[in-house]
PDB file of N, CA and C in Angstrom:
ATOM      1  N   MET A   1       0.595  -1.147   0.152  1.00  0.00           N
ATOM      2  CA  MET A   1       0.072   0.063   0.019  1.00  0.00           C
ATOM      3  C   MET A   1       0.943   1.104  -0.148  1.00  0.00           C
ATOM      4  N   ALA A   2       2.097   1.361   0.778  1.00  0.00           N
ATOM      5  CA  ALA A   2       2.786   2.356   0.676  1.00  0.00           C
ATOM      6  C   ALA A   2       3.407   2.589  -0.416  1.00  0.00           C
ATOM      7  N   ASN A   3       4.140   1.432  -1.127  1.00  0.00           N
ATOM      8  CA  ASN A   3       4.227   1.603  -2.334  1.00  0.00           C
ATOM      9  C   ASN A   3       3.440   2.334  -3.616  1.00  0.00           C
ATOM     10  N   ASP A   4       2.093   1.966  -3.224  1.00  0.00           N
ATOM     11  CA  ASP A   4       1.162   2.639  -4.436  1.00  0.00           C
ATOM     12  C   ASP A   4       1.333   4.048  -4.164  1.00  0.00           C
ATOM     13  N   VAL A   5       1.307   4.445  -3.179  1.00  0.00           N
ATOM     14  CA  VAL A   5       1.140   5.906  -2.745  1.00  0.00           C
ATOM     15  C   VAL A   5       2.613   6.438  -3.464  1.00  0.00           C
ATOM     16  N   LYS A   6       3.556   5.980  -3.257  1.00  0.00           N
ATOM     17  CA  LYS A   6       4.869   6.618  -3.784  1.00  0.00           C
ATOM     18  C   LYS A   6       4.864   6.521  -5.265  1.00  0.00           C
ATOM     19  N   THR A   7       4.497   5.661  -5.821  1.00  0.00           N
ATOM     20  CA  THR A   7       4.315   5.682  -7.570  1.00  0.00           C
ATOM     21  C   THR A   7       3.080   6.403  -7.810  1.00  0.00           C
ATOM     22  N   ALA A   8       2.251   6.756  -7.224  1.00  0.00           N
ATOM     23  CA  ALA A   8       1.213   7.605  -7.593  1.00  0.00           C
ATOM     24  C   ALA A   8       1.634   9.046  -7.373  1.00  0.00           C
ATOM     25  N   LYS A   9       2.325   9.243  -6.300  1.00  0.00           N
ATOM     26  CA  LYS A   9       3.032  10.494  -6.455  1.00  0.00           C
ATOM     27  C   LYS A   9       3.951  11.010  -7.440  1.00  0.00           C
ATOM     28  N   LYS A  10       4.769  10.098  -8.059  1.00  0.00           N
ATOM     29  CA  LYS A  10       5.992  10.119  -9.003  1.00  0.00           C
ATOM     30  C   LYS A  10       5.365  10.106 -10.254  1.00  0.00           C
ATOM     31  N   GLU A  11       4.174   9.890 -10.598  1.00  0.00           N
ATOM     32  CA  GLU A  11       3.656   9.851 -11.950  1.00  0.00           C
ATOM     33  C   GLU A  11       3.920  11.203 -12.504  1.00  0.00           C
ATOM     34  N   LYS A  12       4.180  11.065 -13.764  1.00  0.00           N
ATOM     35  CA  LYS A  12       4.909  12.423 -14.455  1.00  0.00           C
ATOM     36  C   LYS A  12       3.853  13.253 -15.069  1.00  0.00           C
ATOM     37  N   LYS A  13       3.773  14.540 -14.778  1.00  0.00           N
ATOM     38  CA  LYS A  13       2.855  15.316 -15.369  1.00  0.00           C
ATOM     39  C   LYS A  13       3.197  15.634 -16.783  1.00  0.00           C
ATOM     40  N   PRO A  14       2.255  16.079 -17.640  1.00  0.00           N
ATOM     41  CA  PRO A  14       2.535  16.623 -19.106  1.00  0.00           C
ATOM     42  C   PRO A  14       3.660  17.751 -18.961  1.00  0.00           C
ATOM     43  N   ASN A  15       4.362  17.986 -20.065  1.00  0.00           N
ATOM     44  CA  ASN A  15       5.192  19.079 -19.979  1.00  0.00           C
ATOM     45  C   ASN A  15       4.302  20.449 -20.019  1.00  0.00           C
ATOM     46  N   LEU A  16       5.108  21.396 -19.659  1.00  0.00           N
ATOM     47  CA  LEU A  16       4.491  22.784 -19.417  1.00  0.00           C
ATOM     48  C   LEU A  16       3.602  23.455 -20.406  1.00  0.00           C
ATOM     49  N   PHE A  17       4.178  23.126 -21.674  1.00  0.00           N
ATOM     50  CA  PHE A  17       3.454  23.506 -22.897  1.00  0.00           C
ATOM     51  C   PHE A  17       2.220  22.759 -23.217  1.00  0.00           C
ATOM     52  N   ALA A  18       2.232  21.386 -22.857  1.00  0.00           N
ATOM     53  CA  ALA A  18       0.940  20.661 -23.258  1.00  0.00           C
ATOM     54  C   ALA A  18      -0.041  21.053 -22.080  1.00  0.00           C
ATOM     55  N   ARG A  19       0.473  21.476 -20.812  1.00  0.00           N
ATOM     56  CA  ARG A  19      -0.587  21.943 -19.912  1.00  0.00           C
ATOM     57  C   ARG A  19      -1.357  23.228 -20.130  1.00  0.00           C
ATOM     58  N   ILE A  20      -0.466  24.153 -20.901  1.00  0.00           N
ATOM     59  CA  ILE A  20      -0.831  25.403 -21.231  1.00  0.00           C
ATOM     60  C   ILE A  20      -1.617  25.355 -22.380  1.00  0.00           C
ATOM     61  N   GLY A  21      -1.489  24.691 -23.300  1.00  0.00           N
ATOM     62  CA  GLY A  21      -2.256  24.153 -24.606  1.00  0.00           C
ATOM     63  C   GLY A  21      -3.713  23.656 -24.168  1.00  0.00           C
ATOM     64  N   ARG A  22      -3.715  22.778 -23.066  1.00  0.00           N
ATOM     65  CA  ARG A  22      -4.758  22.027 -22.624  1.00  0.00           C
ATOM     66  C   ARG A  22      -5.705  23.260 -22.059  1.00  0.00           C
ATOM     67  N   TYR A  23      -5.096  24.011 -21.305  1.00  0.00           N
ATOM     68  CA  TYR A  23      -5.725  24.986 -20.501  1.00  0.00           C
ATOM     69  C   TYR A  23      -6.625  25.956 -21.377  1.00  0.00           C
ATOM     70  N   PHE A  24      -6.051  26.506 -22.502  1.00  0.00           N
ATOM     71  CA  PHE A  24      -6.373  27.199 -23.435  1.00  0.00           C
ATOM     72  C   PHE A  24      -7.715  26.344 -24.301  1.00  0.00           C
ATOM     73  N   LYS A  25      -7.463  25.226 -24.727  1.00  0.00           N
ATOM     74  CA  LYS A  25      -8.295  24.309 -25.343  1.00  0.00           C
ATOM     75  C   LYS A  25      -9.678  24.134 -24.533  1.00  0.00           C
ATOM     76  N   ASP A  26      -9.398  23.974 -23.171  1.00  0.00           N
ATOM     77  CA  ASP A  26     -10.653  24.071 -22.254  1.00  0.00           C
ATOM     78  C   ASP A  26     -11.287  25.123 -22.017  1.00  0.00           C
ATOM     79  N   VAL A  27     -10.693  26.524 -21.898  1.00  0.00           N
ATOM     80  CA  VAL A  27     -11.286  27.806 -22.071  1.00  0.00           C
ATOM     81  C   VAL A  27     -11.957  28.001 -23.334  1.00  0.00           C
ATOM     82  N   VAL A  28     -11.790  27.582 -24.612  1.00  0.00           N
ATOM     83  CA  VAL A  28     -12.392  27.767 -25.635  1.00  0.00           C
ATOM     84  C   VAL A  28     -13.442  26.850 -25.799  1.00  0.00           C
ATOM     85  N   GLY A  29     -13.426  25.545 -25.338  1.00  0.00           N
ATOM     86  CA  GLY A  29     -14.520  24.733 -25.004  1.00  0.00           C
ATOM     87  C   GLY A  29     -15.707  25.502 -23.938  1.00  0.00           C
ATOM     88  N   GLU A  30     -15.062  25.793 -22.873  1.00  0.00           N
ATOM     89  CA  GLU A  30     -16.434  26.545 -22.157  1.00  0.00           C
ATOM     90  C   GLU A  30     -16.924  27.634 -22.699  1.00  0.00           C
ATOM     91  N   LEU A  31     -16.150  28.388 -23.501  1.00  0.00           N
ATOM     92  CA  LEU A  31     -16.791  29.800 -23.736  1.00  0.00           C
ATOM     93  C   LEU A  31     -17.813  29.325 -25.143  1.00  0.00           C
ATOM     94  N   LYS A  32     -17.572  28.405 -25.673  1.00  0.00           N
ATOM     95  CA  LYS A  32     -18.638  27.973 -26.773  1.00  0.00           C
ATOM     96  C   LYS A  32     -19.780  27.332 -26.425  1.00  0.00           C
ATOM     97  N   LYS A  33     -19.779  27.151 -24.678  1.00  0.00           N
ATOM     98  CA  LYS A  33     -21.151  26.435 -24.077  1.00  0.00           C
ATOM     99  C   LYS A  33     -21.854  27.866 -23.653  1.00  0.00           C
ATOM    100  N   LEU A  34     -21.286  29.075 -23.654  1.00  0.00           N
ATOM    101  CA  LEU A  34     -21.893  30.199 -22.935  1.00  0.00           C
ATOM    102  C   LEU A  34     -22.968  30.471 -23.922  1.00  0.00           C
ATOM    103  N   THR A  35     -24.247  31.162 -23.491  1.00  0.00           N
ATOM    104  CA  THR A  35     -25.313  31.835 -24.141  1.00  0.00           C
ATOM    105  C   THR A  35     -25.134  33.262 -24.231  1.00  0.00           C
ATOM    106  N   TRP A  36     -24.470  33.668 -25.286  1.00  0.00           N
ATOM    107  CA  TRP A  36     -24.130  35.166 -25.380  1.00  0.00           C
ATOM    108  C   TRP A  36     -25.555  36.006 -25.462  1.00  0.00           C
ATOM    109  N   PRO A  37     -25.833  37.513 -24.991  1.00  0.00           N
ATOM    110  CA  PRO A  37     -26.816  38.019 -25.190  1.00  0.00           C
ATOM    111  C   PRO A  37     -26.952  38.705 -26.503  1.00  0.00           C
ATOM    112  N   THR A  38     -28.206  38.853 -26.973  1.00  0.00           N
ATOM    113  CA  THR A  38     -28.199  39.537 -28.339  1.00  0.00           C
ATOM    114  C   THR A  38     -27.634  41.018 -28.271  1.00  0.00           C
ATOM    115  N   GLY A  39     -27.709  41.582 -29.385  1.00  0.00           N
ATOM    116  CA  GLY A  39     -27.092  42.932 -29.294  1.00  0.00           C
ATOM    117  C   GLY A  39     -28.230  43.777 -28.659  1.00  0.00           C
ATOM    118  N   LYS A  40     -29.514  43.628 -28.917  1.00  0.00           N
ATOM    119  CA  LYS A  40     -30.731  44.401 -28.397  1.00  0.00           C
ATOM    120  C   LYS A  40     -30.493  44.239 -27.069  1.00  0.00           C
ATOM    121  N   ASP A  41     -30.117  43.153 -26.298  1.00  0.00           N
ATOM    122  CA  ASP A  41     -30.211  42.770 -24.926  1.00  0.00           C
ATOM    123  C   ASP A  41     -28.920  43.414 -24.329  1.00  0.00           C
ATOM    124  N   LEU A  42     -27.761  43.424 -25.090  1.00  0.00           N
ATOM    125  CA  LEU A  42     -26.615  44.095 -24.694  1.00  0.00           C
ATOM    126  C   LEU A  42     -26.861  45.426 -24.645  1.00  0.00           C
ATOM    127  N   ALA A  43     -27.394  46.174 -25.428  1.00  0.00           N
ATOM    128  CA  ALA A  43     -27.606  47.514 -25.274  1.00  0.00           C
ATOM    129  C   ALA A  43     -28.475  47.817 -24.295  1.00  0.00           C
ATOM    130  N   LYS A  44     -29.459  47.108 -24.003  1.00  0.00           N
ATOM    131  CA  LYS A  44     -30.347  47.221 -22.785  1.00  0.00           C
ATOM    132  C   LYS A  44     -29.801  47.236 -21.402  1.00  0.00           C
ATOM    133  N   TYR A  45     -28.787  46.205 -21.422  1.00  0.00           N
ATOM    134  CA  TYR A  45     -27.994  45.923 -20.305  1.00  0.00           C
ATOM    135  C   TYR A  45     -27.249  47.215 -19.862  1.00  0.00           C
ATOM    136  N   THR A  46     -26.332  47.535 -21.130  1.00  0.00           N
ATOM    137  CA  THR A  46     -25.402  48.429 -21.101  1.00  0.00           C
ATOM    138  C   THR A  46     -26.185  49.735 -20.679  1.00  0.00           C
ATOM    139  N   ALA A  47     -27.247  50.163 -21.061  1.00  0.00           N
ATOM    140  CA  ALA A  47     -28.170  51.283 -20.358  1.00  0.00           C
ATOM    141  C   ALA A  47     -28.353  51.168 -19.044  1.00  0.00           C
ATOM    142  N   THR A  48     -28.733  50.196 -18.698  1.00  0.00           N
ATOM    143  CA  THR A  48     -29.121  50.045 -17.437  1.00  0.00           C
ATOM    144  C   THR A  48     -28.283  50.048 -16.514  1.00  0.00           C
ATOM    145  N   VAL A  49     -26.913  49.724 -16.785  1.00  0.00           N
ATOM    146  CA  VAL A  49     -25.717  50.045 -15.997  1.00  0.00           C
ATOM    147  C   VAL A  49     -25.245  51.485 -15.823  1.00  0.00           C
ATOM    148  N   LEU A  50     -25.423  52.229 -16.899  1.00  0.00           N
ATOM    149  CA  LEU A  50     -24.935  53.479 -17.028  1.00  0.00           C
ATOM    150  C   LEU A  50     -25.942  54.509 -16.280  1.00  0.00           C
ATOM    151  N   ALA A  51     -27.176  54.069 -16.309  1.00  0.00           N
ATOM    152  CA  ALA A  51     -28.282  54.698 -15.592  1.00  0.00           C
ATOM    153  C   ALA A  51     -27.952  54.606 -14.151  1.00  0.00           C
ATOM    154  N   PHE A  52     -27.656  53.412 -13.893  1.00  0.00           N
ATOM    155  CA  PHE A  52     -27.300  53.166 -12.236  1.00  0.00           C
ATOM    156  C   PHE A  52     -26.212  53.833 -11.692  1.00  0.00           C
ATOM    157  N   ILE A  53     -25.076  53.976 -12.469  1.00  0.00           N
ATOM    158  CA  ILE A  53     -23.744  54.872 -12.539  1.00  0.00           C
ATOM    159  C   ILE A  53     -24.032  56.231 -12.212  1.00  0.00           C
ATOM    160  N   VAL A  54     -24.880  56.899 -13.272  1.00  0.00           N
ATOM    161  CA  VAL A  54     -25.281  58.152 -13.230  1.00  0.00           C
ATOM    162  C   VAL A  54     -26.219  58.486 -12.026  1.00  0.00           C
ATOM    163  N   LEU A  55     -26.993  57.471 -11.669  1.00  0.00           N
ATOM    164  CA  LEU A  55     -27.858  57.671 -10.450  1.00  0.00           C
ATOM    165  C   LEU A  55     -27.012  57.925  -9.148  1.00  0.00           C
ATOM    166  N   PHE A  56     -26.117  56.710  -9.100  1.00  0.00           N
ATOM    167  CA  PHE A  56     -25.419  56.871  -7.831  1.00  0.00           C
ATOM    168  C   PHE A  56     -24.307  57.887  -7.893  1.00  0.00           C
ATOM    169  N   ALA A  57     -23.882  58.550  -8.856  1.00  0.00           N
ATOM    170  CA  ALA A  57     -22.984  59.680  -8.886  1.00  0.00           C
ATOM    171  C   ALA A  57     -23.740  60.886  -8.320  1.00  0.00           C
ATOM    172  N   VAL A  58     -24.967  60.849  -8.620  1.00  0.00           N
ATOM    173  CA  VAL A  58     -25.818  62.099  -8.448  1.00  0.00           C
ATOM    174  C   VAL A  58     -26.130  62.112  -7.023  1.00  0.00           C
ATOM    175  N   VAL A  59     -26.475  60.806  -6.360  1.00  0.00           N
ATOM    176  CA  VAL A  59     -26.892  60.570  -4.962  1.00  0.00           C
ATOM    177  C   VAL A  59     -25.489  61.039  -4.156  1.00  0.00           C
ATOM    178  N   ILE A  60     -24.363  60.601  -4.656  1.00  0.00           N
ATOM    179  CA  ILE A  60     -22.973  61.121  -3.833  1.00  0.00           C
ATOM    180  C   ILE A  60     -22.789  62.040  -3.876  1.00  0.00           C
ATOM    181  N   GLY A  61     -23.222  62.914  -5.282  1.00  0.00           N
ATOM    182  CA  GLY A  61     -22.671  64.559  -5.223  1.00  0.00           C
ATOM    183  C   GLY A  61     -23.819  65.434  -4.268  1.00  0.00           C
ATOM    184  N   VAL A  62     -24.964  64.721  -4.332  1.00  0.00           N
ATOM    185  CA  VAL A  62     -25.883  65.446  -3.406  1.00  0.00           C
ATOM    186  C   VAL A  62     -25.611  65.411  -1.894  1.00  0.00           C
ATOM    187  N   LEU A  63     -25.221  64.243  -1.464  1.00  0.00           N
ATOM    188  CA  LEU A  63     -24.785  63.712  -0.012  1.00  0.00           C
ATOM    189  C   LEU A  63     -23.482  64.649   0.207  1.00  0.00           C
ATOM    190  N   ASP A  64     -22.393  64.878  -0.571  1.00  0.00           N
ATOM    191  CA  ASP A  64     -21.498  65.314  -0.610  1.00  0.00           C
ATOM    192  C   ASP A  64     -21.631  66.831  -0.252  1.00  0.00           C
ATOM    193  N   PHE A  65     -22.529  67.322  -1.074  1.00  0.00           N
ATOM    194  CA  PHE A  65     -22.912  69.110  -1.156  1.00  0.00           C
ATOM    195  C   PHE A  65     -23.650  69.007   0.559  1.00  0.00           C
ATOM    196  N   LEU A  66     -24.506  68.235   0.775  1.00  0.00           N
ATOM    197  CA  LEU A  66     -25.258  68.414   1.976  1.00  0.00           C
ATOM    198  C   LEU A  66     -24.290  68.349   3.301  1.00  0.00           C
ATOM    199  N   PHE A  67     -23.464  67.273   3.109  1.00  0.00           N
ATOM    200  CA  PHE A  67     -22.441  67.072   4.512  1.00  0.00           C
ATOM    201  C   PHE A  67     -21.343  68.405   4.241  1.00  0.00           C
ATOM    202  N   GLY A  68     -21.269  68.972   3.292  1.00  0.00           N
ATOM    203  CA  GLY A  68     -20.012  69.915   3.199  1.00  0.00           C
ATOM    204  C   GLY A  68     -20.861  71.319   3.868  1.00  0.00           C
ATOM    205  N   GLN A  69     -22.190  71.365   3.273  1.00  0.00           N
ATOM    206  CA  GLN A  69     -22.826  72.763   4.117  1.00  0.00           C
ATOM    207  C   GLN A  69     -23.243  72.576   5.468  1.00  0.00           C
ATOM    208  N   GLY A  70     -23.439  71.281   5.690  1.00  0.00           N
ATOM    209  CA  GLY A  70     -23.457  71.081   7.242  1.00  0.00           C
ATOM    210  C   GLY A  70     -22.359  71.293   8.175  1.00  0.00           C
ATOM    211  N   PHE A  71     -21.135  70.770   7.480  1.00  0.00           N
ATOM    212  CA  PHE A  71     -19.831  71.254   8.189  1.00  0.00           C
ATOM    213  C   PHE A  71     -19.682  72.644   8.394  1.00  0.00           C
ATOM    214  N   THR A  72     -20.119  73.184   7.340  1.00  0.00           N
ATOM    215  CA  THR A  72     -19.717  74.854   7.083  1.00  0.00           C
ATOM    216  C   THR A  72     -20.755  75.415   8.224  1.00  0.00           C
ATOM    217  N   LEU A  73     -21.833  74.966   8.309  1.00  0.00           N
ATOM    218  CA  LEU A  73     -22.806  75.721   9.365  1.00  0.00           C
ATOM    219  C   LEU A  73     -22.394  75.151  10.659  1.00  0.00           C
ATOM    220  N   LEU A  74     -21.996  74.024  10.655  1.00  0.00           N
ATOM    221  CA  LEU A  74     -21.410  73.852  12.378  1.00  0.00           C
ATOM    222  C   LEU A  74     -20.195  74.549  12.427  1.00  0.00           C
ATOM    223  N   GLY A  75     -19.251  74.859  11.544  1.00  0.00           N
ATOM    224  CA  GLY A  75     -18.145  75.628  11.845  1.00  0.00           C
ATOM    225  C   GLY A  75     -18.475  77.102  12.130  1.00  0.00           C
ATOM    226  N   SER A  76     -19.463  77.618  11.601  1.00  0.00           N
ATOM    227  CA  SER A  76     -20.089  78.841  11.836  1.00  0.00           C
ATOM    228  C   SER A  76     -20.742  78.901  13.078  1.00  0.00           C
ATOM    229  N   LEU A  77     -21.497  78.000  13.480  1.00  0.00           N
ATOM    230  CA  LEU A  77     -22.130  78.026  14.927  1.00  0.00           C
ATOM    231  C   LEU A  77     -20.978  77.867  16.002  1.00  0.00           C
ATOM    232  N   ALA A  78     -19.839  77.318  15.829  1.00  0.00           N
ATOM    233  CA  ALA A  78     -18.975  77.182  16.870  1.00  0.00           C
ATOM    234  C   ALA A  78     -18.540  78.671  17.029  1.00  0.00           C
ATOM    235  N   GLY A  79     -18.608  79.507  16.348  1.00  0.00           N
ATOM    236  CA  GLY A  79     -18.227  80.997  16.811  1.00  0.00           C
ATOM    237  C   GLY A  79     -16.760  81.114  16.396  1.00  0.00           C
ATOM    238  N   LYS A  80     -16.197  80.184  15.642  1.00  0.00           N
ATOM    239  CA  LYS A  80     -14.711  80.436  15.194  1.00  0.00           C
ATOM    240  C   LYS A  80     -13.830  80.543  16.439  1.00  0.00           C
ATOM    241  N   SER A  81     -13.746  79.247  17.159  1.00  0.00           N
ATOM    242  CA  SER A  81     -12.704  79.222  18.224  1.00  0.00           C
ATOM    243  C   SER A  81     -11.387  79.323  17.483  1.00  0.00           C
ATOM    244  N   SER A  82     -10.479  79.301  18.446  1.00  0.00           N
ATOM    245  CA  SER A  82      -9.092  79.357  18.114  1.00  0.00           C
ATOM    246  C   SER A  82      -8.699  78.011  17.182  1.00  0.00           C
ATOM    247  N   ASP A  83      -9.246  76.917  17.630  1.00  0.00           N
ATOM    248  CA  ASP A  83      -8.956  75.563  16.929  1.00  0.00           C
ATOM    249  C   ASP A  83      -9.890  75.463  15.917  1.00  0.00           C
ATOM    250  N   ALA A  84     -11.072  76.083  15.857  1.00  0.00           N
ATOM    251  CA  ALA A  84     -11.986  76.061  14.667  1.00  0.00           C
ATOM    252  C   ALA A  84     -11.338  76.920  13.690  1.00  0.00           C
ATOM    253  N   SER A  85     -10.900  78.057  13.945  1.00  0.00           N
ATOM    254  CA  SER A  85     -10.537  79.008  12.933  1.00  0.00           C
ATOM    255  C   SER A  85      -9.155  78.315  12.189  1.00  0.00           C
ATOM    256  N   ALA A  86      -8.408  77.876  13.230  1.00  0.00           N
ATOM    257  CA  ALA A  86      -7.033  77.422  12.543  1.00  0.00           C
ATOM    258  C   ALA A  86      -7.080  76.291  11.526  1.00  0.00           C
ATOM    259  N   LEU A  87      -8.226  75.330  11.758  1.00  0.00           N
ATOM    260  CA  LEU A  87      -8.862  74.564  10.968  1.00  0.00           C
ATOM    261  C   LEU A  87      -9.264  74.890   9.597  1.00  0.00           C
ATOM    262  N   ALA A  88     -10.236  75.860   9.966  1.00  0.00           N
ATOM    263  CA  ALA A  88     -10.640  76.333   8.827  1.00  0.00           C
ATOM    264  C   ALA A  88      -9.868  77.023   7.815  1.00  0.00           C
ATOM    265  N   ASP A  89      -8.677  77.663   8.272  1.00  0.00           N
ATOM    266  CA  ASP A  89      -7.672  78.296   7.432  1.00  0.00           C
ATOM    267  C   ASP A  89      -6.800  77.374   7.020  1.00  0.00           C
ATOM    268  N   ALA A  90      -6.686  76.199   7.489  1.00  0.00           N
ATOM    269  CA  ALA A  90      -5.753  75.129   6.880  1.00  0.00           C
ATOM    270  C   ALA A  90      -6.370  74.249   5.762  1.00  0.00           C
ATOM    271  N   LEU A  91      -7.801  74.242   6.226  1.00  0.00           N
ATOM    272  CA  LEU A  91      -8.297  73.163   4.944  1.00  0.00           C
ATOM    273  C   LEU A  91      -8.318  73.753   3.394  1.00  0.00           C
ATOM    274  N   PRO A  92      -8.786  74.795   3.250  1.00  0.00           N
ATOM    275  CA  PRO A  92      -8.688  75.366   1.831  1.00  0.00           C
ATOM    276  C   PRO A  92      -7.136  75.315   1.113  1.00  0.00           C
ATOM    277  N   GLY A  93      -6.238  75.250   1.965  1.00  0.00           N
ATOM    278  CA  GLY A  93      -4.850  75.166   1.436  1.00  0.00           C
ATOM    279  C   GLY A  93      -4.771  73.565   1.228  1.00  0.00           C
ATOM    280  N   LEU A  94      -5.282  72.798   1.520  1.00  0.00           N
ATOM    281  CA  LEU A  94      -5.063  71.176   1.448  1.00  0.00           C
ATOM    282  C   LEU A  94      -5.577  70.681   0.247  1.00  0.00           C
ATOM    283  N   MET A  95      -6.854  71.466  -0.323  1.00  0.00           N
ATOM    284  CA  MET A  95      -7.553  70.892  -1.176  1.00  0.00           C
ATOM    285  C   MET A  95      -7.217  71.772  -2.543  1.00  0.00           C
TER     286      MET A  95
END
């Protein structure tokens, strides 16, 4: 039984180029099994993705604007203490 394990481990693999060739052959075989979308479906899916990108960009832009205005309001309500004014003076230079 121990000899069977040793011989199984010593079995020779195909050379590197044969393994690479088999890999690409298997990839092509798998790609042939796929169901590709029609041009009309592809256009619809692309439009959906682009619409969501625009939607999320608008949402993030609005949230950024609101948070910016909120922090500006908080800064003005703080009465420009020495720490707040130093921070407010430093921030425009960083951006």
